Structures are given as C-alpha cells and as structure tokens.
Amino acid sequence: MLEKITNEIKKKFPGQTEKDKTERIALLERIFGSNSWTEISTYFSIDKLNEGLENLRLENAGEAKVSENKTDGKPKKKGEKSYAKVART
C-alpha cells in the first residue's frame, strides 16, 4: 500500500526540484492531514492509507472529491480542498 501511495505521489510530482519537494509535502498534508511520511507509514491504519490512495488517484485523474462538510470548524483557505471519504464498493 505504501509503495502504491509513493508511486501516485511521484506521478504528480516526479522531480527533485525544491518546488516538487514542497508540493509533495503539501499533497501529504491535504490527503493525510500530516506532512510526516514516518507518521503516515507507521501509525496510519490500512483503511486510512487506502482512503488516501483513492483520493490521490482521484486528484491525479483531476476528479478529486471535495467534502461539503467542514469537520474541524475552521474556515477553508482559498483554493484549499477537503477530501471526503471514498465509498468502497
């Protein structure tokens, strides 16, 4: 699962430029709510990883699902996306 997640991230930002590195960190924060790969790879449940992988795939395909509900009560910043849970079939 972790390899699939890293491959999806590399599809979107494959380079080693500072911009790509910064964008990868921002992507982790948007999808997983953390910018720590160690935290994500060590402590996140398989369900949370699967949900994140599906959201990465949707974002890469240009079909990111955006949640209608604000769960944290904070106003969203302009252009910020909030990802909904992906329903499994």
PDB file of N, CA and C in Angstrom:
ATOM      1  N   MET A   1       0.830  -1.191   0.000  1.00  0.00           N
ATOM      2  CA  MET A   1       0.000   0.000   0.000  1.00  0.00           C
ATOM      3  C   MET A   1       0.880   1.262   0.000  1.00  0.00           C
ATOM      4  N   LEU A   2       1.933   1.262   0.820  1.00  0.00           N
ATOM      5  CA  LEU A   2       2.812   2.434   0.891  1.00  0.00           C
ATOM      6  C   LEU A   2       3.527   2.687  -0.434  1.00  0.00           C
ATOM      7  N   GLU A   3       3.922   1.623  -1.096  1.00  0.00           N
ATOM      8  CA  GLU A   3       4.576   1.777  -2.398  1.00  0.00           C
ATOM      9  C   GLU A   3       3.607   2.371  -3.422  1.00  0.00           C
ATOM     10  N   LYS A   4       2.356   1.933  -3.383  1.00  0.00           N
ATOM     11  CA  LYS A   4       1.353   2.479  -4.303  1.00  0.00           C
ATOM     12  C   LYS A   4       1.134   3.968  -4.040  1.00  0.00           C
ATOM     13  N   ILE A   5       1.120   4.348  -2.762  1.00  0.00           N
ATOM     14  CA  ILE A   5       0.942   5.761  -2.400  1.00  0.00           C
ATOM     15  C   ILE A   5       2.120   6.583  -2.917  1.00  0.00           C
ATOM     16  N   THR A   6       3.349   6.118  -2.675  1.00  0.00           N
ATOM     17  CA  THR A   6       4.513   6.877  -3.151  1.00  0.00           C
ATOM     18  C   THR A   6       4.535   6.966  -4.666  1.00  0.00           C
ATOM     19  N   ASN A   7       4.108   5.912  -5.345  1.00  0.00           N
ATOM     20  CA  ASN A   7       4.064   5.960  -6.814  1.00  0.00           C
ATOM     21  C   ASN A   7       3.044   6.971  -7.318  1.00  0.00           C
ATOM     22  N   GLU A   8       1.890   7.069  -6.671  1.00  0.00           N
ATOM     23  CA  GLU A   8       0.892   8.072  -7.064  1.00  0.00           C
ATOM     24  C   GLU A   8       1.433   9.476  -6.844  1.00  0.00           C
ATOM     25  N   ILE A   9       2.149   9.672  -5.740  1.00  0.00           N
ATOM     26  CA  ILE A   9       2.735  10.990  -5.463  1.00  0.00           C
ATOM     27  C   ILE A   9       3.786  11.320  -6.515  1.00  0.00           C
ATOM     28  N   LYS A  10       4.615  10.339  -6.878  1.00  0.00           N
ATOM     29  CA  LYS A  10       5.654  10.561  -7.888  1.00  0.00           C
ATOM     30  C   LYS A  10       5.067  10.838  -9.268  1.00  0.00           C
ATOM     31  N   LYS A  11       3.895  10.275  -9.561  1.00  0.00           N
ATOM     32  CA  LYS A  11       3.243  10.581 -10.841  1.00  0.00           C
ATOM     33  C   LYS A  11       2.923  12.064 -10.939  1.00  0.00           C
ATOM     34  N   LYS A  12       2.484  12.641  -9.827  1.00  0.00           N
ATOM     35  CA  LYS A  12       2.079  14.043  -9.830  1.00  0.00           C
ATOM     36  C   LYS A  12       3.284  14.983  -9.739  1.00  0.00           C
ATOM     37  N   PHE A  13       4.274  14.623  -8.916  1.00  0.00           N
ATOM     38  CA  PHE A  13       5.458  15.467  -8.713  1.00  0.00           C
ATOM     39  C   PHE A  13       6.717  14.600  -8.789  1.00  0.00           C
ATOM     40  N   PRO A  14       7.185  14.278 -10.015  1.00  0.00           N
ATOM     41  CA  PRO A  14       8.286  13.328 -10.171  1.00  0.00           C
ATOM     42  C   PRO A  14       9.688  13.895  -9.934  1.00  0.00           C
ATOM     43  N   GLY A  15       9.825  15.198  -9.958  1.00  0.00           N
ATOM     44  CA  GLY A  15      11.157  15.799  -9.930  1.00  0.00           C
ATOM     45  C   GLY A  15      11.775  15.912  -8.551  1.00  0.00           C
ATOM     46  N   GLN A  16      13.020  16.380  -8.527  1.00  0.00           N
ATOM     47  CA  GLN A  16      13.742  16.609  -7.281  1.00  0.00           C
ATOM     48  C   GLN A  16      13.972  18.103  -7.038  1.00  0.00           C
ATOM     49  N   THR A  17      13.221  18.938  -7.756  1.00  0.00           N
ATOM     50  CA  THR A  17      13.348  20.378  -7.539  1.00  0.00           C
ATOM     51  C   THR A  17      12.725  20.744  -6.193  1.00  0.00           C
ATOM     52  N   GLU A  18      13.101  21.890  -5.675  1.00  0.00           N
ATOM     53  CA  GLU A  18      12.508  22.366  -4.418  1.00  0.00           C
ATOM     54  C   GLU A  18      10.993  22.499  -4.547  1.00  0.00           C
ATOM     55  N   LYS A  19      10.536  22.942  -5.722  1.00  0.00           N
ATOM     56  CA  LYS A  19       9.099  23.082  -5.936  1.00  0.00           C
ATOM     57  C   LYS A  19       8.396  21.731  -5.831  1.00  0.00           C
ATOM     58  N   ASP A  20       8.918  20.697  -6.471  1.00  0.00           N
ATOM     59  CA  ASP A  20       8.303  19.370  -6.409  1.00  0.00           C
ATOM     60  C   ASP A  20       8.318  18.825  -4.978  1.00  0.00           C
ATOM     61  N   LYS A  21       9.434  19.019  -4.274  1.00  0.00           N
ATOM     62  CA  LYS A  21       9.517  18.549  -2.897  1.00  0.00           C
ATOM     63  C   LYS A  21       8.495  19.254  -2.008  1.00  0.00           C
ATOM     64  N   THR A  22       8.363  20.555  -2.191  1.00  0.00           N
ATOM     65  CA  THR A  22       7.390  21.328  -1.419  1.00  0.00           C
ATOM     66  C   THR A  22       5.971  20.902  -1.755  1.00  0.00           C
ATOM     67  N   GLU A  23       5.712  20.675  -3.029  1.00  0.00           N
ATOM     68  CA  GLU A  23       4.377  20.235  -3.453  1.00  0.00           C
ATOM     69  C   GLU A  23       4.036  18.844  -2.919  1.00  0.00           C
ATOM     70  N   ARG A  24       5.029  17.962  -2.847  1.00  0.00           N
ATOM     71  CA  ARG A  24       4.781  16.626  -2.282  1.00  0.00           C
ATOM     72  C   ARG A  24       4.390  16.721  -0.813  1.00  0.00           C
ATOM     73  N   ILE A  25       5.067  17.580  -0.068  1.00  0.00           N
ATOM     74  CA  ILE A  25       4.736  17.772   1.342  1.00  0.00           C
ATOM     75  C   ILE A  25       3.327  18.336   1.479  1.00  0.00           C
ATOM     76  N   ALA A  26       2.989  19.331   0.667  1.00  0.00           N
ATOM     77  CA  ALA A  26       1.645  19.917   0.706  1.00  0.00           C
ATOM     78  C   ALA A  26       0.589  18.874   0.340  1.00  0.00           C
ATOM     79  N   LEU A  27       0.896  18.008  -0.615  1.00  0.00           N
ATOM     80  CA  LEU A  27      -0.029  16.952  -1.022  1.00  0.00           C
ATOM     81  C   LEU A  27      -0.279  15.983   0.134  1.00  0.00           C
ATOM     82  N   LEU A  28       0.768  15.589   0.834  1.00  0.00           N
ATOM     83  CA  LEU A  28       0.596  14.720   2.005  1.00  0.00           C
ATOM     84  C   LEU A  28      -0.306  15.377   3.043  1.00  0.00           C
ATOM     85  N   GLU A  29      -0.101  16.665   3.280  1.00  0.00           N
ATOM     86  CA  GLU A  29      -0.933  17.385   4.247  1.00  0.00           C
ATOM     87  C   GLU A  29      -2.389  17.424   3.811  1.00  0.00           C
ATOM     88  N   ARG A  30      -2.639  17.663   2.523  1.00  0.00           N
ATOM     89  CA  ARG A  30      -4.012  17.712   2.027  1.00  0.00           C
ATOM     90  C   ARG A  30      -4.699  16.354   2.123  1.00  0.00           C
ATOM     91  N   ILE A  31      -4.005  15.315   1.734  1.00  0.00           N
ATOM     92  CA  ILE A  31      -4.607  13.994   1.650  1.00  0.00           C
ATOM     93  C   ILE A  31      -4.675  13.307   3.010  1.00  0.00           C
ATOM     94  N   PHE A  32      -3.575  13.372   3.777  1.00  0.00           N
ATOM     95  CA  PHE A  32      -3.484  12.614   5.015  1.00  0.00           C
ATOM     96  C   PHE A  32      -3.562  13.457   6.283  1.00  0.00           C
ATOM     97  N   GLY A  33      -3.478  14.780   6.135  1.00  0.00           N
ATOM     98  CA  GLY A  33      -3.518  15.638   7.315  1.00  0.00           C
ATOM     99  C   GLY A  33      -2.205  15.639   8.090  1.00  0.00           C
ATOM    100  N   SER A  34      -1.134  15.168   7.472  1.00  0.00           N
ATOM    101  CA  SER A  34       0.183  15.138   8.100  1.00  0.00           C
ATOM    102  C   SER A  34       1.239  15.313   7.015  1.00  0.00           C
ATOM    103  N   ASN A  35       2.335  15.991   7.375  1.00  0.00           N
ATOM    104  CA  ASN A  35       3.431  16.127   6.419  1.00  0.00           C
ATOM    105  C   ASN A  35       4.583  15.185   6.759  1.00  0.00           C
ATOM    106  N   SER A  36       4.342  14.253   7.685  1.00  0.00           N
ATOM    107  CA  SER A  36       5.368  13.313   8.116  1.00  0.00           C
ATOM    108  C   SER A  36       5.149  11.943   7.478  1.00  0.00           C
ATOM    109  N   TRP A  37       6.073  11.557   6.583  1.00  0.00           N
ATOM    110  CA  TRP A  37       5.963  10.235   5.959  1.00  0.00           C
ATOM    111  C   TRP A  37       6.128   9.139   7.013  1.00  0.00           C
ATOM    112  N   THR A  38       6.978   9.374   8.015  1.00  0.00           N
ATOM    113  CA  THR A  38       7.165   8.390   9.084  1.00  0.00           C
ATOM    114  C   THR A  38       5.860   8.166   9.834  1.00  0.00           C
ATOM    115  N   GLU A  39       5.159   9.227  10.167  1.00  0.00           N
ATOM    116  CA  GLU A  39       3.873   9.102  10.858  1.00  0.00           C
ATOM    117  C   GLU A  39       2.863   8.355   9.988  1.00  0.00           C
ATOM    118  N   ILE A  40       2.768   8.736   8.737  1.00  0.00           N
ATOM    119  CA  ILE A  40       1.805   8.116   7.825  1.00  0.00           C
ATOM    120  C   ILE A  40       2.121   6.634   7.644  1.00  0.00           C
ATOM    121  N   SER A  41       3.371   6.315   7.389  1.00  0.00           N
ATOM    122  CA  SER A  41       3.739   4.926   7.086  1.00  0.00           C
ATOM    123  C   SER A  41       3.762   4.026   8.315  1.00  0.00           C
ATOM    124  N   THR A  42       3.891   4.602   9.492  1.00  0.00           N
ATOM    125  CA  THR A  42       3.995   3.796  10.702  1.00  0.00           C
ATOM    126  C   THR A  42       2.685   3.688  11.475  1.00  0.00           C
ATOM    127  N   TYR A  43       1.960   4.789  11.583  1.00  0.00           N
ATOM    128  CA  TYR A  43       0.831   4.833  12.503  1.00  0.00           C
ATOM    129  C   TYR A  43      -0.547   4.841  11.859  1.00  0.00           C
ATOM    130  N   PHE A  44      -0.633   5.079  10.555  1.00  0.00           N
ATOM    131  CA  PHE A  44      -1.945   5.147   9.922  1.00  0.00           C
ATOM    132  C   PHE A  44      -2.474   3.738   9.652  1.00  0.00           C
ATOM    133  N   SER A  45      -3.763   3.562   9.866  1.00  0.00           N
ATOM    134  CA  SER A  45      -4.399   2.261   9.628  1.00  0.00           C
ATOM    135  C   SER A  45      -4.462   1.974   8.129  1.00  0.00           C
ATOM    136  N   ILE A  46      -4.639   0.712   7.807  1.00  0.00           N
ATOM    137  CA  ILE A  46      -4.749   0.314   6.404  1.00  0.00           C
ATOM    138  C   ILE A  46      -5.952   0.990   5.750  1.00  0.00           C
ATOM    139  N   ASP A  47      -7.030   1.178   6.501  1.00  0.00           N
ATOM    140  CA  ASP A  47      -8.208   1.866   5.958  1.00  0.00           C
ATOM    141  C   ASP A  47      -7.887   3.314   5.614  1.00  0.00           C
ATOM    142  N   LYS A  48      -7.167   3.999   6.493  1.00  0.00           N
ATOM    143  CA  LYS A  48      -6.790   5.393   6.247  1.00  0.00           C
ATOM    144  C   LYS A  48      -5.832   5.484   5.057  1.00  0.00           C
ATOM    145  N   LEU A  49      -4.904   4.532   4.958  1.00  0.00           N
ATOM    146  CA  LEU A  49      -3.981   4.516   3.818  1.00  0.00           C
ATOM    147  C   LEU A  49      -4.731   4.261   2.512  1.00  0.00           C
ATOM    148  N   ASN A  50      -5.668   3.339   2.534  1.00  0.00           N
ATOM    149  CA  ASN A  50      -6.458   3.037   1.341  1.00  0.00           C
ATOM    150  C   ASN A  50      -7.293   4.246   0.921  1.00  0.00           C
ATOM    151  N   GLU A  51      -7.891   4.904   1.885  1.00  0.00           N
ATOM    152  CA  GLU A  51      -8.675   6.116   1.596  1.00  0.00           C
ATOM    153  C   GLU A  51      -7.788   7.185   0.963  1.00  0.00           C
ATOM    154  N   GLY A  52      -6.599   7.369   1.522  1.00  0.00           N
ATOM    155  CA  GLY A  52      -5.668   8.351   0.976  1.00  0.00           C
ATOM    156  C   GLY A  52      -5.230   7.988  -0.435  1.00  0.00           C
ATOM    157  N   LEU A  53      -4.965   6.709  -0.675  1.00  0.00           N
ATOM    158  CA  LEU A  53      -4.573   6.253  -2.010  1.00  0.00           C
ATOM    159  C   LEU A  53      -5.678   6.546  -3.025  1.00  0.00           C
ATOM    160  N   GLU A  54      -6.901   6.252  -2.671  1.00  0.00           N
ATOM    161  CA  GLU A  54      -8.017   6.527  -3.579  1.00  0.00           C
ATOM    162  C   GLU A  54      -8.137   8.022  -3.858  1.00  0.00           C
ATOM    163  N   ASN A  55      -7.952   8.855  -2.829  1.00  0.00           N
ATOM    164  CA  ASN A  55      -8.014  10.302  -3.037  1.00  0.00           C
ATOM    165  C   ASN A  55      -6.853  10.805  -3.887  1.00  0.00           C
ATOM    166  N   LEU A  56      -5.665  10.211  -3.725  1.00  0.00           N
ATOM    167  CA  LEU A  56      -4.534  10.556  -4.597  1.00  0.00           C
ATOM    168  C   LEU A  56      -4.845  10.218  -6.047  1.00  0.00           C
ATOM    169  N   ARG A  57      -5.404   9.039  -6.258  1.00  0.00           N
ATOM    170  CA  ARG A  57      -5.750   8.630  -7.624  1.00  0.00           C
ATOM    171  C   ARG A  57      -6.791   9.559  -8.233  1.00  0.00           C
ATOM    172  N   LEU A  58      -7.780   9.949  -7.436  1.00  0.00           N
ATOM    173  CA  LEU A  58      -8.797  10.879  -7.927  1.00  0.00           C
ATOM    174  C   LEU A  58      -8.185  12.231  -8.262  1.00  0.00           C
ATOM    175  N   GLU A  59      -7.310  12.718  -7.396  1.00  0.00           N
ATOM    176  CA  GLU A  59      -6.664  14.010  -7.662  1.00  0.00           C
ATOM    177  C   GLU A  59      -5.794  13.935  -8.911  1.00  0.00           C
ATOM    178  N   ASN A  60      -5.049  12.851  -9.072  1.00  0.00           N
ATOM    179  CA  ASN A  60      -4.206  12.700 -10.262  1.00  0.00           C
ATOM    180  C   ASN A  60      -5.042  12.626 -11.527  1.00  0.00           C
ATOM    181  N   ALA A  61      -6.239  12.087 -11.413  1.00  0.00           N
ATOM    182  CA  ALA A  61      -7.136  11.998 -12.565  1.00  0.00           C
ATOM    183  C   ALA A  61      -7.933  13.287 -12.761  1.00  0.00           C
ATOM    184  N   GLY A  62      -7.742  14.253 -11.864  1.00  0.00           N
ATOM    185  CA  GLY A  62      -8.463  15.518 -11.955  1.00  0.00           C
ATOM    186  C   GLY A  62      -9.895  15.418 -11.475  1.00  0.00           C
ATOM    187  N   GLU A  63     -10.176  14.413 -10.659  1.00  0.00           N
ATOM    188  CA  GLU A  63     -11.536  14.191 -10.183  1.00  0.00           C
ATOM    189  C   GLU A  63     -11.597  14.169  -8.667  1.00  0.00           C
ATOM    190  N   ALA A  64     -10.817  15.008  -8.010  1.00  0.00           N
ATOM    191  CA  ALA A  64     -10.770  14.996  -6.548  1.00  0.00           C
ATOM    192  C   ALA A  64     -12.141  15.265  -5.961  1.00  0.00           C
ATOM    193  N   LYS A  65     -12.517  14.409  -5.024  1.00  0.00           N
ATOM    194  CA  LYS A  65     -13.778  14.612  -4.330  1.00  0.00           C
ATOM    195  C   LYS A  65     -13.552  15.629  -3.228  1.00  0.00           C
ATOM    196  N   VAL A  66     -14.397  16.629  -3.181  1.00  0.00           N
ATOM    197  CA  VAL A  66     -14.283  17.660  -2.163  1.00  0.00           C
ATOM    198  C   VAL A  66     -15.454  17.513  -1.223  1.00  0.00           C
ATOM    199  N   SER A  67     -15.132  17.488   0.068  1.00  0.00           N
ATOM    200  CA  SER A  67     -16.170  17.327   1.083  1.00  0.00           C
ATOM    201  C   SER A  67     -17.014  18.588   1.183  1.00  0.00           C
ATOM    202  N   GLU A  68     -18.292  18.396   1.353  1.00  0.00           N
ATOM    203  CA  GLU A  68     -19.200  19.519   1.557  1.00  0.00           C
ATOM    204  C   GLU A  68     -19.212  19.947   3.014  1.00  0.00           C
ATOM    205  N   ASN A  69     -18.837  19.029   3.909  1.00  0.00           N
ATOM    206  CA  ASN A  69     -18.886  19.299   5.344  1.00  0.00           C
ATOM    207  C   ASN A  69     -17.531  19.736   5.849  1.00  0.00           C
ATOM    208  N   LYS A  70     -17.527  20.719   6.734  1.00  0.00           N
ATOM    209  CA  LYS A  70     -16.301  21.138   7.391  1.00  0.00           C
ATOM    210  C   LYS A  70     -16.287  20.455   8.745  1.00  0.00           C
ATOM    211  N   THR A  71     -15.335  19.566   8.949  1.00  0.00           N
ATOM    212  CA  THR A  71     -15.321  18.795  10.177  1.00  0.00           C
ATOM    213  C   THR A  71     -14.553  19.486  11.293  1.00  0.00           C
ATOM    214  N   ASP A  72     -13.625  20.370  10.988  1.00  0.00           N
ATOM    215  CA  ASP A  72     -12.817  20.982  12.027  1.00  0.00           C
ATOM    216  C   ASP A  72     -13.334  22.348  12.471  1.00  0.00           C
ATOM    217  N   GLY A  73     -14.358  22.861  11.820  1.00  0.00           N
ATOM    218  CA  GLY A  73     -14.928  24.141  12.189  1.00  0.00           C
ATOM    219  C   GLY A  73     -14.121  25.336  11.716  1.00  0.00           C
ATOM    220  N   LYS A  74     -12.978  25.109  11.096  1.00  0.00           N
ATOM    221  CA  LYS A  74     -12.149  26.205  10.606  1.00  0.00           C
ATOM    222  C   LYS A  74     -12.580  26.585   9.198  1.00  0.00           C
ATOM    223  N   PRO A  75     -12.565  27.868   8.885  1.00  0.00           N
ATOM    224  CA  PRO A  75     -12.882  28.255   7.502  1.00  0.00           C
ATOM    225  C   PRO A  75     -11.783  27.778   6.576  1.00  0.00           C
ATOM    226  N   LYS A  76     -12.182  27.350   5.381  1.00  0.00           N
ATOM    227  CA  LYS A  76     -11.207  26.891   4.397  1.00  0.00           C
ATOM    228  C   LYS A  76     -10.512  28.087   3.781  1.00  0.00           C
ATOM    229  N   LYS A  77      -9.211  27.898   3.485  1.00  0.00           N
ATOM    230  CA  LYS A  77      -8.462  28.920   2.768  1.00  0.00           C
ATOM    231  C   LYS A  77      -8.832  28.850   1.304  1.00  0.00           C
ATOM    232  N   LYS A  78      -8.665  29.958   0.614  1.00  0.00           N
ATOM    233  CA  LYS A  78      -8.977  29.992  -0.805  1.00  0.00           C
ATOM    234  C   LYS A  78      -8.177  28.931  -1.547  1.00  0.00           C
ATOM    235  N   GLY A  79      -8.871  28.104  -2.314  1.00  0.00           N
ATOM    236  CA  GLY A  79      -8.230  27.072  -3.103  1.00  0.00           C
ATOM    237  C   GLY A  79      -7.943  25.794  -2.347  1.00  0.00           C
ATOM    238  N   GLU A  80      -8.204  25.756  -1.043  1.00  0.00           N
ATOM    239  CA  GLU A  80      -7.927  24.556  -0.248  1.00  0.00           C
ATOM    240  C   GLU A  80      -8.996  23.512  -0.483  1.00  0.00           C
ATOM    241  N   LYS A  81      -8.570  22.253  -0.602  1.00  0.00           N
ATOM    242  CA  LYS A  81      -9.508  21.167  -0.810  1.00  0.00           C
ATOM    243  C   LYS A  81      -9.638  20.359   0.469  1.00  0.00           C
ATOM    244  N   SER A  82     -10.813  19.873   0.708  1.00  0.00           N
ATOM    245  CA  SER A  82     -11.056  18.980   1.825  1.00  0.00           C
ATOM    246  C   SER A  82     -11.607  17.687   1.255  1.00  0.00           C
ATOM    247  N   TYR A  83     -10.926  16.600   1.499  1.00  0.00           N
ATOM    248  CA  TYR A  83     -11.292  15.349   0.851  1.00  0.00           C
ATOM    249  C   TYR A  83     -12.319  14.560   1.657  1.00  0.00           C
ATOM    250  N   ALA A  84     -13.314  14.093   0.938  1.00  0.00           N
ATOM    251  CA  ALA A  84     -14.347  13.239   1.530  1.00  0.00           C
ATOM    252  C   ALA A  84     -13.856  11.807   1.506  1.00  0.00           C
ATOM    253  N   LYS A  85     -14.454  10.995   2.358  1.00  0.00           N
ATOM    254  CA  LYS A  85     -14.135   9.575   2.332  1.00  0.00           C
ATOM    255  C   LYS A  85     -14.628   8.988   1.032  1.00  0.00           C
ATOM    256  N   VAL A  86     -13.830   8.118   0.471  1.00  0.00           N
ATOM    257  CA  VAL A  86     -14.204   7.452  -0.765  1.00  0.00           C
ATOM    258  C   VAL A  86     -14.989   6.200  -0.390  1.00  0.00           C
ATOM    259  N   ALA A  87     -16.176   6.071  -0.945  1.00  0.00           N
ATOM    260  CA  ALA A  87     -17.015   4.902  -0.660  1.00  0.00           C
ATOM    261  C   ALA A  87     -16.452   3.694  -1.384  1.00  0.00           C
ATOM    262  N   ARG A  88     -16.337   2.608  -0.634  1.00  0.00           N
ATOM    263  CA  ARG A  88     -15.879   1.374  -1.242  1.00  0.00           C
ATOM    264  C   ARG A  88     -17.065   0.559  -1.705  1.00  0.00           C
ATOM    265  N   THR A  89     -16.895  -0.063  -2.865  1.00  0.00           N
ATOM    266  CA  THR A  89     -17.970  -0.903  -3.390  1.00  0.00           C
ATOM    267  C   THR A  89     -17.548  -2.334  -3.433  1.00  0.00           C
TER     268      THR A  89
END
